[in-house]
Amino acid sequence: MILLLALAYPATIAVLFYLAFLRPVQQQQKKQREQLLSLRVGDEVLTQAGFLAVIKEVRVPEEPGPTILILDLGGGTEVRAVASAIVQRLSPGMAGESAARPEQQEIRERVSP
């Protein structure tokens, strides 16, 4: 009986650790991955550097590598950024583009684990 209790305490602590710390992190990563998959030209985004920008172009490399986004910061300033540098999509772009383009399919294939 004492041996059973001695084994139950560490198991309970491990389960609580998973539920309190690991599971929320995994859910956040899944949410961010889904947001990356739904990025489109015209979306307003927030980058890790704190820039608010509009996606002007999505460049998917033919060889394995990061997807590059051309971001318009306003005033004619354009910068290149890796898709994983996007923290959040603030507002969707052109609502008329509901069908996924081939670029979106390639982004899904490269970002998915």
PDB file of N, CA and C in Angstrom:
ATOM      1  N   MET A   1       0.817  -1.195   0.000  1.00  0.00           N
ATOM      2  CA  MET A   1       0.000   0.000   0.000  1.00  0.00           C
ATOM      3  C   MET A   1       0.863   1.262   0.000  1.00  0.00           C
ATOM      4  N   ILE A   2       1.890   1.267   0.826  1.00  0.00           N
ATOM      5  CA  ILE A   2       2.778   2.426   0.883  1.00  0.00           C
ATOM      6  C   ILE A   2       3.537   2.570  -0.430  1.00  0.00           C
ATOM      7  N   LEU A   3       3.924   1.446  -1.028  1.00  0.00           N
ATOM      8  CA  LEU A   3       4.616   1.485  -2.322  1.00  0.00           C
ATOM      9  C   LEU A   3       3.716   2.090  -3.400  1.00  0.00           C
ATOM     10  N   LEU A   4       2.446   1.745  -3.350  1.00  0.00           N
ATOM     11  CA  LEU A   4       1.492   2.292  -4.325  1.00  0.00           C
ATOM     12  C   LEU A   4       1.366   3.809  -4.167  1.00  0.00           C
ATOM     13  N   LEU A   5       1.289   4.289  -2.943  1.00  0.00           N
ATOM     14  CA  LEU A   5       1.213   5.728  -2.704  1.00  0.00           C
ATOM     15  C   LEU A   5       2.508   6.424  -3.114  1.00  0.00           C
ATOM     16  N   ALA A   6       3.622   5.762  -2.891  1.00  0.00           N
ATOM     17  CA  ALA A   6       4.916   6.340  -3.268  1.00  0.00           C
ATOM     18  C   ALA A   6       5.017   6.506  -4.777  1.00  0.00           C
ATOM     19  N   LEU A   7       4.387   5.647  -5.541  1.00  0.00           N
ATOM     20  CA  LEU A   7       4.390   5.757  -7.001  1.00  0.00           C
ATOM     21  C   LEU A   7       3.313   6.724  -7.502  1.00  0.00           C
ATOM     22  N   ALA A   8       2.235   6.875  -6.754  1.00  0.00           N
ATOM     23  CA  ALA A   8       1.125   7.729  -7.181  1.00  0.00           C
ATOM     24  C   ALA A   8       1.486   9.212  -7.103  1.00  0.00           C
ATOM     25  N   TYR A   9       2.236   9.618  -6.105  1.00  0.00           N
ATOM     26  CA  TYR A   9       2.592  11.027  -5.963  1.00  0.00           C
ATOM     27  C   TYR A   9       3.404  11.559  -7.147  1.00  0.00           C
ATOM     28  N   PRO A  10       4.479  10.895  -7.553  1.00  0.00           N
ATOM     29  CA  PRO A  10       5.225  11.411  -8.722  1.00  0.00           C
ATOM     30  C   PRO A  10       4.390  11.404 -10.004  1.00  0.00           C
ATOM     31  N   ALA A  11       3.547  10.391 -10.151  1.00  0.00           N
ATOM     32  CA  ALA A  11       2.697  10.332 -11.346  1.00  0.00           C
ATOM     33  C   ALA A  11       1.708  11.487 -11.349  1.00  0.00           C
ATOM     34  N   THR A  12       1.129  11.797 -10.205  1.00  0.00           N
ATOM     35  CA  THR A  12       0.188  12.914 -10.094  1.00  0.00           C
ATOM     36  C   THR A  12       0.885  14.241 -10.380  1.00  0.00           C
ATOM     37  N   ILE A  13       2.079  14.407  -9.860  1.00  0.00           N
ATOM     38  CA  ILE A  13       2.841  15.629 -10.108  1.00  0.00           C
ATOM     39  C   ILE A  13       3.178  15.765 -11.590  1.00  0.00           C
ATOM     40  N   ALA A  14       3.534  14.667 -12.253  1.00  0.00           N
ATOM     41  CA  ALA A  14       3.844  14.707 -13.680  1.00  0.00           C
ATOM     42  C   ALA A  14       2.616  15.109 -14.498  1.00  0.00           C
ATOM     43  N   VAL A  15       1.467  14.578 -14.162  1.00  0.00           N
ATOM     44  CA  VAL A  15       0.234  14.919 -14.881  1.00  0.00           C
ATOM     45  C   VAL A  15      -0.112  16.392 -14.665  1.00  0.00           C
ATOM     46  N   LEU A  16      -0.006  16.865 -13.446  1.00  0.00           N
ATOM     47  CA  LEU A  16      -0.290  18.275 -13.175  1.00  0.00           C
ATOM     48  C   LEU A  16       0.695  19.194 -13.891  1.00  0.00           C
ATOM     49  N   PHE A  17       1.957  18.818 -13.945  1.00  0.00           N
ATOM     50  CA  PHE A  17       2.968  19.594 -14.668  1.00  0.00           C
ATOM     51  C   PHE A  17       2.606  19.680 -16.149  1.00  0.00           C
ATOM     52  N   TYR A  18       2.191  18.562 -16.721  1.00  0.00           N
ATOM     53  CA  TYR A  18       1.798  18.549 -18.129  1.00  0.00           C
ATOM     54  C   TYR A  18       0.610  19.479 -18.362  1.00  0.00           C
ATOM     55  N   LEU A  19      -0.415  19.358 -17.517  1.00  0.00           N
ATOM     56  CA  LEU A  19      -1.618  20.160 -17.709  1.00  0.00           C
ATOM     57  C   LEU A  19      -1.379  21.650 -17.458  1.00  0.00           C
ATOM     58  N   ALA A  20      -0.482  21.966 -16.539  1.00  0.00           N
ATOM     59  CA  ALA A  20      -0.265  23.372 -16.189  1.00  0.00           C
ATOM     60  C   ALA A  20       0.731  24.075 -17.103  1.00  0.00           C
ATOM     61  N   PHE A  21       1.723  23.345 -17.617  1.00  0.00           N
ATOM     62  CA  PHE A  21       2.797  24.002 -18.357  1.00  0.00           C
ATOM     63  C   PHE A  21       2.924  23.556 -19.810  1.00  0.00           C
ATOM     64  N   LEU A  22       2.979  22.297 -20.068  1.00  0.00           N
ATOM     65  CA  LEU A  22       3.260  21.821 -21.427  1.00  0.00           C
ATOM     66  C   LEU A  22       2.067  21.949 -22.366  1.00  0.00           C
ATOM     67  N   ARG A  23       0.895  21.600 -21.914  1.00  0.00           N
ATOM     68  CA  ARG A  23      -0.273  21.625 -22.789  1.00  0.00           C
ATOM     69  C   ARG A  23      -0.602  23.031 -23.295  1.00  0.00           C
ATOM     70  N   PRO A  24      -0.597  24.061 -22.448  1.00  0.00           N
ATOM     71  CA  PRO A  24      -0.869  25.414 -22.961  1.00  0.00           C
ATOM     72  C   PRO A  24       0.158  25.873 -23.998  1.00  0.00           C
ATOM     73  N   VAL A  25       1.417  25.512 -23.823  1.00  0.00           N
ATOM     74  CA  VAL A  25       2.444  25.881 -24.793  1.00  0.00           C
ATOM     75  C   VAL A  25       2.175  25.194 -26.127  1.00  0.00           C
ATOM     76  N   GLN A  26       1.811  23.923 -26.086  1.00  0.00           N
ATOM     77  CA  GLN A  26       1.504  23.202 -27.320  1.00  0.00           C
ATOM     78  C   GLN A  26       0.295  23.800 -28.021  1.00  0.00           C
ATOM     79  N   GLN A  27      -0.713  24.198 -27.267  1.00  0.00           N
ATOM     80  CA  GLN A  27      -1.899  24.811 -27.879  1.00  0.00           C
ATOM     81  C   GLN A  27      -1.561  26.147 -28.527  1.00  0.00           C
ATOM     82  N   GLN A  28      -0.709  26.942 -27.882  1.00  0.00           N
ATOM     83  CA  GLN A  28      -0.292  28.221 -28.449  1.00  0.00           C
ATOM     84  C   GLN A  28       0.497  28.013 -29.733  1.00  0.00           C
ATOM     85  N   GLN A  29       1.385  27.035 -29.756  1.00  0.00           N
ATOM     86  CA  GLN A  29       2.166  26.746 -30.956  1.00  0.00           C
ATOM     87  C   GLN A  29       1.254  26.297 -32.098  1.00  0.00           C
ATOM     88  N   LYS A  30       0.258  25.497 -31.796  1.00  0.00           N
ATOM     89  CA  LYS A  30      -0.680  25.044 -32.816  1.00  0.00           C
ATOM     90  C   LYS A  30      -1.471  26.223 -33.383  1.00  0.00           C
ATOM     91  N   LYS A  31      -1.895  27.133 -32.501  1.00  0.00           N
ATOM     92  CA  LYS A  31      -2.644  28.311 -32.946  1.00  0.00           C
ATOM     93  C   LYS A  31      -1.789  29.195 -33.850  1.00  0.00           C
ATOM     94  N   GLN A  32      -0.525  29.397 -33.471  1.00  0.00           N
ATOM     95  CA  GLN A  32       0.351  30.235 -34.293  1.00  0.00           C
ATOM     96  C   GLN A  32       0.628  29.570 -35.638  1.00  0.00           C
ATOM     97  N   ARG A  33       0.805  28.254 -35.661  1.00  0.00           N
ATOM     98  CA  ARG A  33       1.037  27.534 -36.913  1.00  0.00           C
ATOM     99  C   ARG A  33      -0.173  27.677 -37.843  1.00  0.00           C
ATOM    100  N   GLU A  34      -1.385  27.603 -37.263  1.00  0.00           N
ATOM    101  CA  GLU A  34      -2.596  27.772 -38.070  1.00  0.00           C
ATOM    102  C   GLU A  34      -2.698  29.192 -38.627  1.00  0.00           C
ATOM    103  N   GLN A  35      -2.285  30.180 -37.835  1.00  0.00           N
ATOM    104  CA  GLN A  35      -2.294  31.557 -38.331  1.00  0.00           C
ATOM    105  C   GLN A  35      -1.309  31.734 -39.473  1.00  0.00           C
ATOM    106  N   LEU A  36      -0.147  31.108 -39.380  1.00  0.00           N
ATOM    107  CA  LEU A  36       0.835  31.199 -40.461  1.00  0.00           C
ATOM    108  C   LEU A  36       0.284  30.601 -41.748  1.00  0.00           C
ATOM    109  N   LEU A  37      -0.465  29.526 -41.614  1.00  0.00           N
ATOM    110  CA  LEU A  37      -1.021  28.875 -42.795  1.00  0.00           C
ATOM    111  C   LEU A  37      -2.093  29.725 -43.470  1.00  0.00           C
ATOM    112  N   SER A  38      -2.721  30.608 -42.719  1.00  0.00           N
ATOM    113  CA  SER A  38      -3.813  31.392 -43.292  1.00  0.00           C
ATOM    114  C   SER A  38      -3.377  32.784 -43.759  1.00  0.00           C
ATOM    115  N   LEU A  39      -2.083  33.090 -43.726  1.00  0.00           N
ATOM    116  CA  LEU A  39      -1.618  34.406 -44.177  1.00  0.00           C
ATOM    117  C   LEU A  39      -1.840  34.577 -45.675  1.00  0.00           C
ATOM    118  N   ARG A  40      -2.298  35.758 -46.050  1.00  0.00           N
ATOM    119  CA  ARG A  40      -2.536  36.074 -47.463  1.00  0.00           C
ATOM    120  C   ARG A  40      -2.037  37.480 -47.762  1.00  0.00           C
ATOM    121  N   VAL A  41      -1.856  37.747 -49.038  1.00  0.00           N
ATOM    122  CA  VAL A  41      -1.469  39.091 -49.474  1.00  0.00           C
ATOM    123  C   VAL A  41      -2.570  40.056 -49.066  1.00  0.00           C
ATOM    124  N   GLY A  42      -2.175  41.175 -48.480  1.00  0.00           N
ATOM    125  CA  GLY A  42      -3.131  42.181 -48.044  1.00  0.00           C
ATOM    126  C   GLY A  42      -3.454  42.122 -46.565  1.00  0.00           C
ATOM    127  N   ASP A  43      -3.046  41.062 -45.872  1.00  0.00           N
ATOM    128  CA  ASP A  43      -3.289  40.959 -44.434  1.00  0.00           C
ATOM    129  C   ASP A  43      -2.417  41.948 -43.678  1.00  0.00           C
ATOM    130  N   GLU A  44      -2.987  42.547 -42.644  1.00  0.00           N
ATOM    131  CA  GLU A  44      -2.199  43.397 -41.751  1.00  0.00           C
ATOM    132  C   GLU A  44      -1.704  42.509 -40.616  1.00  0.00           C
ATOM    133  N   VAL A  45      -0.391  42.570 -40.349  1.00  0.00           N
ATOM    134  CA  VAL A  45       0.219  41.670 -39.377  1.00  0.00           C
ATOM    135  C   VAL A  45       1.084  42.436 -38.382  1.00  0.00           C
ATOM    136  N   LEU A  46       1.373  41.776 -37.271  1.00  0.00           N
ATOM    137  CA  LEU A  46       2.292  42.269 -36.256  1.00  0.00           C
ATOM    138  C   LEU A  46       3.491  41.340 -36.244  1.00  0.00           C
ATOM    139  N   THR A  47       4.703  41.903 -36.342  1.00  0.00           N
ATOM    140  CA  THR A  47       5.909  41.079 -36.351  1.00  0.00           C
ATOM    141  C   THR A  47       6.489  40.984 -34.947  1.00  0.00           C
ATOM    142  N   GLN A  48       7.439  40.071 -34.765  1.00  0.00           N
ATOM    143  CA  GLN A  48       8.101  39.918 -33.474  1.00  0.00           C
ATOM    144  C   GLN A  48       8.852  41.181 -33.087  1.00  0.00           C
ATOM    145  N   ALA A  49       9.278  41.965 -34.056  1.00  0.00           N
ATOM    146  CA  ALA A  49       9.996  43.216 -33.780  1.00  0.00           C
ATOM    147  C   ALA A  49       9.047  44.349 -33.401  1.00  0.00           C
ATOM    148  N   GLY A  50       7.739  44.107 -33.494  1.00  0.00           N
ATOM    149  CA  GLY A  50       6.772  45.125 -33.124  1.00  0.00           C
ATOM    150  C   GLY A  50       6.296  45.978 -34.281  1.00  0.00           C
ATOM    151  N   PHE A  51       6.687  45.630 -35.504  1.00  0.00           N
ATOM    152  CA  PHE A  51       6.251  46.391 -36.669  1.00  0.00           C
ATOM    153  C   PHE A  51       4.843  45.978 -37.075  1.00  0.00           C
ATOM    154  N   LEU A  52       4.029  46.968 -37.433  1.00  0.00           N
ATOM    155  CA  LEU A  52       2.730  46.720 -38.039  1.00  0.00           C
ATOM    156  C   LEU A  52       2.922  46.865 -39.540  1.00  0.00           C
ATOM    157  N   ALA A  53       2.551  45.857 -40.280  1.00  0.00           N
ATOM    158  CA  ALA A  53       2.817  45.871 -41.715  1.00  0.00           C
ATOM    159  C   ALA A  53       1.691  45.177 -42.468  1.00  0.00           C
ATOM    160  N   VAL A  54       1.693  45.376 -43.780  1.00  0.00           N
ATOM    161  CA  VAL A  54       0.754  44.723 -44.674  1.00  0.00           C
ATOM    162  C   VAL A  54       1.556  43.790 -45.572  1.00  0.00           C
ATOM    163  N   ILE A  55       1.085  42.551 -45.703  1.00  0.00           N
ATOM    164  CA  ILE A  55       1.778  41.590 -46.558  1.00  0.00           C
ATOM    165  C   ILE A  55       1.567  41.995 -48.011  1.00  0.00           C
ATOM    166  N   LYS A  56       2.665  42.195 -48.718  1.00  0.00           N
ATOM    167  CA  LYS A  56       2.602  42.617 -50.110  1.00  0.00           C
ATOM    168  C   LYS A  56       2.852  41.449 -51.055  1.00  0.00           C
ATOM    169  N   GLU A  57       3.680  40.503 -50.622  1.00  0.00           N
ATOM    170  CA  GLU A  57       4.030  39.370 -51.482  1.00  0.00           C
ATOM    171  C   GLU A  57       4.468  38.208 -50.605  1.00  0.00           C
ATOM    172  N   VAL A  58       4.177  36.989 -51.072  1.00  0.00           N
ATOM    173  CA  VAL A  58       4.621  35.774 -50.387  1.00  0.00           C
ATOM    174  C   VAL A  58       5.527  35.020 -51.352  1.00  0.00           C
ATOM    175  N   ARG A  59       6.756  34.767 -50.927  1.00  0.00           N
ATOM    176  CA  ARG A  59       7.712  34.034 -51.768  1.00  0.00           C
ATOM    177  C   ARG A  59       7.988  32.678 -51.140  1.00  0.00           C
ATOM    178  N   VAL A  60       7.520  31.634 -51.807  1.00  0.00           N
ATOM    179  CA  VAL A  60       7.748  30.266 -51.348  1.00  0.00           C
ATOM    180  C   VAL A  60       8.923  29.707 -52.136  1.00  0.00           C
ATOM    181  N   PRO A  61      10.019  29.324 -51.462  1.00  0.00           N
ATOM    182  CA  PRO A  61      11.182  28.820 -52.194  1.00  0.00           C
ATOM    183  C   PRO A  61      10.898  27.457 -52.813  1.00  0.00           C
ATOM    184  N   GLU A  62      11.557  27.204 -53.952  1.00  0.00           N
ATOM    185  CA  GLU A  62      11.385  25.912 -54.610  1.00  0.00           C
ATOM    186  C   GLU A  62      12.080  24.812 -53.826  1.00  0.00           C
ATOM    187  N   GLU A  63      13.223  25.129 -53.236  1.00  0.00           N
ATOM    188  CA  GLU A  63      13.934  24.172 -52.400  1.00  0.00           C
ATOM    189  C   GLU A  63      13.494  24.364 -50.957  1.00  0.00           C
ATOM    190  N   PRO A  64      13.681  23.360 -50.116  1.00  0.00           N
ATOM    191  CA  PRO A  64      13.304  23.528 -48.709  1.00  0.00           C
ATOM    192  C   PRO A  64      13.991  24.737 -48.082  1.00  0.00           C
ATOM    193  N   GLY A  65      13.216  25.515 -47.403  1.00  0.00           N
ATOM    194  CA  GLY A  65      13.732  26.722 -46.773  1.00  0.00           C
ATOM    195  C   GLY A  65      12.576  27.553 -46.265  1.00  0.00           C
ATOM    196  N   PRO A  66      12.884  28.644 -45.594  1.00  0.00           N
ATOM    197  CA  PRO A  66      11.815  29.460 -45.010  1.00  0.00           C
ATOM    198  C   PRO A  66      11.028  30.234 -46.074  1.00  0.00           C
ATOM    199  N   THR A  67       9.763  30.403 -45.819  1.00  0.00           N
ATOM    200  CA  THR A  67       8.911  31.223 -46.670  1.00  0.00           C
ATOM    201  C   THR A  67       9.197  32.680 -46.359  1.00  0.00           C
ATOM    202  N   ILE A  68       9.421  33.476 -47.394  1.00  0.00           N
ATOM    203  CA  ILE A  68       9.758  34.885 -47.239  1.00  0.00           C
ATOM    204  C   ILE A  68       8.517  35.732 -47.539  1.00  0.00           C
ATOM    205  N   LEU A  69       8.269  36.705 -46.689  1.00  0.00           N
ATOM    206  CA  LEU A  69       7.181  37.645 -46.904  1.00  0.00           C
ATOM    207  C   LEU A  69       7.762  39.014 -47.196  1.00  0.00           C
ATOM    208  N   ILE A  70       7.186  39.709 -48.165  1.00  0.00           N
ATOM    209  CA  ILE A  70       7.531  41.107 -48.418  1.00  0.00           C
ATOM    210  C   ILE A  70       6.470  41.926 -47.694  1.00  0.00           C
ATOM    211  N   LEU A  71       6.917  42.719 -46.715  1.00  0.00           N
ATOM    212  CA  LEU A  71       6.004  43.495 -45.885  1.00  0.00           C
ATOM    213  C   LEU A  71       6.105  44.970 -46.222  1.00  0.00           C
ATOM    214  N   ASP A  72       4.961  45.628 -46.309  1.00  0.00           N
ATOM    215  CA  ASP A  72       4.910  47.070 -46.543  1.00  0.00           C
ATOM    216  C   ASP A  72       4.669  47.742 -45.191  1.00  0.00           C
ATOM    217  N   LEU A  73       5.656  48.519 -44.736  1.00  0.00           N
ATOM    218  CA  LEU A  73       5.556  49.193 -43.452  1.00  0.00           C
ATOM    219  C   LEU A  73       4.859  50.544 -43.556  1.00  0.00           C
ATOM    220  N   GLY A  74       4.572  50.971 -44.757  1.00  0.00           N
ATOM    221  CA  GLY A  74       3.937  52.262 -44.965  1.00  0.00           C
ATOM    222  C   GLY A  74       4.956  53.266 -45.464  1.00  0.00           C
ATOM    223  N   GLY A  75       4.503  54.243 -46.186  1.00  0.00           N
ATOM    224  CA  GLY A  75       5.391  55.270 -46.713  1.00  0.00           C
ATOM    225  C   GLY A  75       6.350  54.740 -47.752  1.00  0.00           C
ATOM    226  N   GLY A  76       5.985  53.645 -48.404  1.00  0.00           N
ATOM    227  CA  GLY A  76       6.836  53.082 -49.446  1.00  0.00           C
ATOM    228  C   GLY A  76       7.980  52.227 -48.917  1.00  0.00           C
ATOM    229  N   THR A  77       8.021  51.966 -47.632  1.00  0.00           N
ATOM    230  CA  THR A  77       9.085  51.151 -47.046  1.00  0.00           C
ATOM    231  C   THR A  77       8.681  49.688 -47.079  1.00  0.00           C
ATOM    232  N   GLU A  78       9.496  48.882 -47.759  1.00  0.00           N
ATOM    233  CA  GLU A  78       9.249  47.445 -47.841  1.00  0.00           C
ATOM    234  C   GLU A  78      10.412  46.704 -47.201  1.00  0.00           C
ATOM    235  N   VAL A  79      10.097  45.634 -46.475  1.00  0.00           N
ATOM    236  CA  VAL A  79      11.120  44.799 -45.862  1.00  0.00           C
ATOM    237  C   VAL A  79      10.800  43.335 -46.134  1.00  0.00           C
ATOM    238  N   ARG A  80      11.840  42.518 -46.098  1.00  0.00           N
ATOM    239  CA  ARG A  80      11.652  41.068 -46.211  1.00  0.00           C
ATOM    240  C   ARG A  80      11.643  40.490 -44.805  1.00  0.00           C
ATOM    241  N   ALA A  81      10.811  39.492 -44.586  1.00  0.00           N
ATOM    242  CA  ALA A  81      10.744  38.834 -43.285  1.00  0.00           C
ATOM    243  C   ALA A  81      10.431  37.358 -43.487  1.00  0.00           C
ATOM    244  N   VAL A  82      10.890  36.552 -42.574  1.00  0.00           N
ATOM    245  CA  VAL A  82      10.568  35.130 -42.579  1.00  0.00           C
ATOM    246  C   VAL A  82       9.150  34.989 -42.026  1.00  0.00           C
ATOM    247  N   ALA A  83       8.392  34.059 -42.573  1.00  0.00           N
ATOM    248  CA  ALA A  83       6.995  33.902 -42.161  1.00  0.00           C
ATOM    249  C   ALA A  83       6.866  33.617 -40.668  1.00  0.00           C
ATOM    250  N   SER A  84       7.840  32.950 -40.078  1.00  0.00           N
ATOM    251  CA  SER A  84       7.761  32.631 -38.653  1.00  0.00           C
ATOM    252  C   SER A  84       7.949  33.871 -37.771  1.00  0.00           C
ATOM    253  N   ALA A  85       8.348  35.012 -38.346  1.00  0.00           N
ATOM    254  CA  ALA A  85       8.503  36.256 -37.588  1.00  0.00           C
ATOM    255  C   ALA A  85       7.160  36.948 -37.358  1.00  0.00           C
ATOM    256  N   ILE A  86       6.110  36.418 -37.952  1.00  0.00           N
ATOM    257  CA  ILE A  86       4.782  36.997 -37.771  1.00  0.00           C
ATOM    258  C   ILE A  86       4.194  36.465 -36.474  1.00  0.00           C
ATOM    259  N   VAL A  87       3.808  37.387 -35.606  1.00  0.00           N
ATOM    260  CA  VAL A  87       3.250  37.007 -34.315  1.00  0.00           C
ATOM    261  C   VAL A  87       1.735  36.869 -34.397  1.00  0.00           C
ATOM    262  N   GLN A  88       1.109  37.807 -35.124  1.00  0.00           N
ATOM    263  CA  GLN A  88      -0.341  37.844 -35.133  1.00  0.00           C
ATOM    264  C   GLN A  88      -0.847  38.511 -36.397  1.00  0.00           C
ATOM    265  N   ARG A  89      -1.951  38.005 -36.910  1.00  0.00           N
ATOM    266  CA  ARG A  89      -2.631  38.673 -38.012  1.00  0.00           C
ATOM    267  C   ARG A  89      -3.669  39.597 -37.395  1.00  0.00           C
ATOM    268  N   LEU A  90      -3.547  40.891 -37.694  1.00  0.00           N
ATOM    269  CA  LEU A  90      -4.430  41.881 -37.080  1.00  0.00           C
ATOM    270  C   LEU A  90      -5.748  42.017 -37.823  1.00  0.00           C
ATOM    271  N   SER A  91      -5.696  42.038 -39.146  1.00  0.00           N
ATOM    272  CA  SER A  91      -6.923  42.119 -39.927  1.00  0.00           C
ATOM    273  C   SER A  91      -6.700  41.409 -41.248  1.00  0.00           C
ATOM    274  N   PRO A  92      -7.713  40.672 -41.690  1.00  0.00           N
ATOM    275  CA  PRO A  92      -7.573  39.981 -42.967  1.00  0.00           C
ATOM    276  C   PRO A  92      -7.562  40.959 -44.121  1.00  0.00           C
ATOM    277  N   GLY A  93      -6.882  40.558 -45.188  1.00  0.00           N
ATOM    278  CA  GLY A  93      -6.777  41.403 -46.372  1.00  0.00           C
ATOM    279  C   GLY A  93      -7.962  41.219 -47.274  1.00  0.00           C
ATOM    280  N   MET A  94      -7.681  41.194 -48.566  1.00  0.00           N
ATOM    281  CA  MET A  94      -8.708  41.131 -49.603  1.00  0.00           C
ATOM    282  C   MET A  94      -9.676  39.985 -49.358  1.00  0.00           C
ATOM    283  N   ALA A  95     -10.904  40.323 -48.975  1.00  0.00           N
ATOM    284  CA  ALA A  95     -11.896  39.310 -48.631  1.00  0.00           C
ATOM    285  C   ALA A  95     -12.362  38.526 -49.853  1.00  0.00           C
ATOM    286  N   GLY A  96     -12.162  39.044 -51.034  1.00  0.00           N
ATOM    287  CA  GLY A  96     -12.600  38.367 -52.247  1.00  0.00           C
ATOM    288  C   GLY A  96     -11.788  37.128 -52.575  1.00  0.00           C
ATOM    289  N   GLU A  97     -10.623  36.958 -51.970  1.00  0.00           N
ATOM    290  CA  GLU A  97      -9.777  35.806 -52.257  1.00  0.00           C
ATOM    291  C   GLU A  97     -10.061  34.700 -51.259  1.00  0.00           C
ATOM    292  N   SER A  98     -11.168  33.988 -51.442  1.00  0.00           N
ATOM    293  CA  SER A  98     -11.514  32.941 -50.495  1.00  0.00           C
ATOM    294  C   SER A  98     -10.874  31.603 -50.863  1.00  0.00           C
ATOM    295  N   ALA A  99     -10.600  31.385 -52.130  1.00  0.00           N
ATOM    296  CA  ALA A  99     -10.002  30.124 -52.539  1.00  0.00           C
ATOM    297  C   ALA A  99      -8.511  30.137 -52.236  1.00  0.00           C
ATOM    298  N   ALA A 100      -8.016  29.022 -51.724  1.00  0.00           N
ATOM    299  CA  ALA A 100      -6.585  28.925 -51.406  1.00  0.00           C
ATOM    300  C   ALA A 100      -5.791  28.840 -52.706  1.00  0.00           C
ATOM    301  N   ARG A 101      -4.734  29.621 -52.775  1.00  0.00           N
ATOM    302  CA  ARG A 101      -3.870  29.616 -53.944  1.00  0.00           C
ATOM    303  C   ARG A 101      -2.825  28.523 -53.794  1.00  0.00           C
ATOM    304  N   PRO A 102      -2.124  28.171 -54.873  1.00  0.00           N
ATOM    305  CA  PRO A 102      -1.077  27.162 -54.768  1.00  0.00           C
ATOM    306  C   PRO A 102      -0.003  27.546 -53.758  1.00  0.00           C
ATOM    307  N   GLU A 103       0.279  28.850 -53.616  1.00  0.00           N
ATOM    308  CA  GLU A 103       1.278  29.292 -52.639  1.00  0.00           C
ATOM    309  C   GLU A 103       0.856  28.885 -51.239  1.00  0.00           C
ATOM    310  N   GLN A 104      -0.440  28.998 -50.946  1.00  0.00           N
ATOM    311  CA  GLN A 104      -0.926  28.652 -49.619  1.00  0.00           C
ATOM    312  C   GLN A 104      -0.730  27.160 -49.353  1.00  0.00           C
ATOM    313  N   GLN A 105      -0.949  26.324 -50.356  1.00  0.00           N
ATOM    314  CA  GLN A 105      -0.762  24.890 -50.183  1.00  0.00           C
ATOM    315  C   GLN A 105       0.688  24.592 -49.879  1.00  0.00           C
ATOM    316  N   GLU A 106       1.625  25.257 -50.573  1.00  0.00           N
ATOM    317  CA  GLU A 106       3.032  25.028 -50.322  1.00  0.00           C
ATOM    318  C   GLU A 106       3.435  25.498 -48.938  1.00  0.00           C
ATOM    319  N   ILE A 107       2.860  26.609 -48.464  1.00  0.00           N
ATOM    320  CA  ILE A 107       3.146  27.084 -47.114  1.00  0.00           C
ATOM    321  C   ILE A 107       2.676  26.038 -46.111  1.00  0.00           C
ATOM    322  N   ARG A 108       1.494  25.487 -46.329  1.00  0.00           N
ATOM    323  CA  ARG A 108       0.990  24.463 -45.417  1.00  0.00           C
ATOM    324  C   ARG A 108       1.928  23.269 -45.350  1.00  0.00           C
ATOM    325  N   GLU A 109       2.440  22.844 -46.491  1.00  0.00           N
ATOM    326  CA  GLU A 109       3.314  21.683 -46.520  1.00  0.00           C
ATOM    327  C   GLU A 109       4.634  21.964 -45.799  1.00  0.00           C
ATOM    328  N   ARG A 110       5.139  23.182 -45.894  1.00  0.00           N
ATOM    329  CA  ARG A 110       6.440  23.487 -45.285  1.00  0.00           C
ATOM    330  C   ARG A 110       6.345  23.794 -43.792  1.00  0.00           C
ATOM    331  N   VAL A 111       5.206  24.333 -43.337  1.00  0.00           N
ATOM    332  CA  VAL A 111       5.075  24.715 -41.942  1.00  0.00           C
ATOM    333  C   VAL A 111       4.607  23.540 -41.094  1.00  0.00           C
ATOM    334  N   SER A 112       3.826  22.645 -41.666  1.00  0.00           N
ATOM    335  CA  SER A 112       3.288  21.523 -40.897  1.00  0.00           C
ATOM    336  C   SER A 112       4.418  20.628 -40.414  1.00  0.00           C
ATOM    337  N   PRO A 113       4.263  20.122 -39.186  1.00  0.00           N
ATOM    338  CA  PRO A 113       5.326  19.263 -38.618  1.00  0.00           C
ATOM    339  C   PRO A 113       5.399  17.914 -39.270  1.00  0.00           C
TER     340      PRO A 113
END
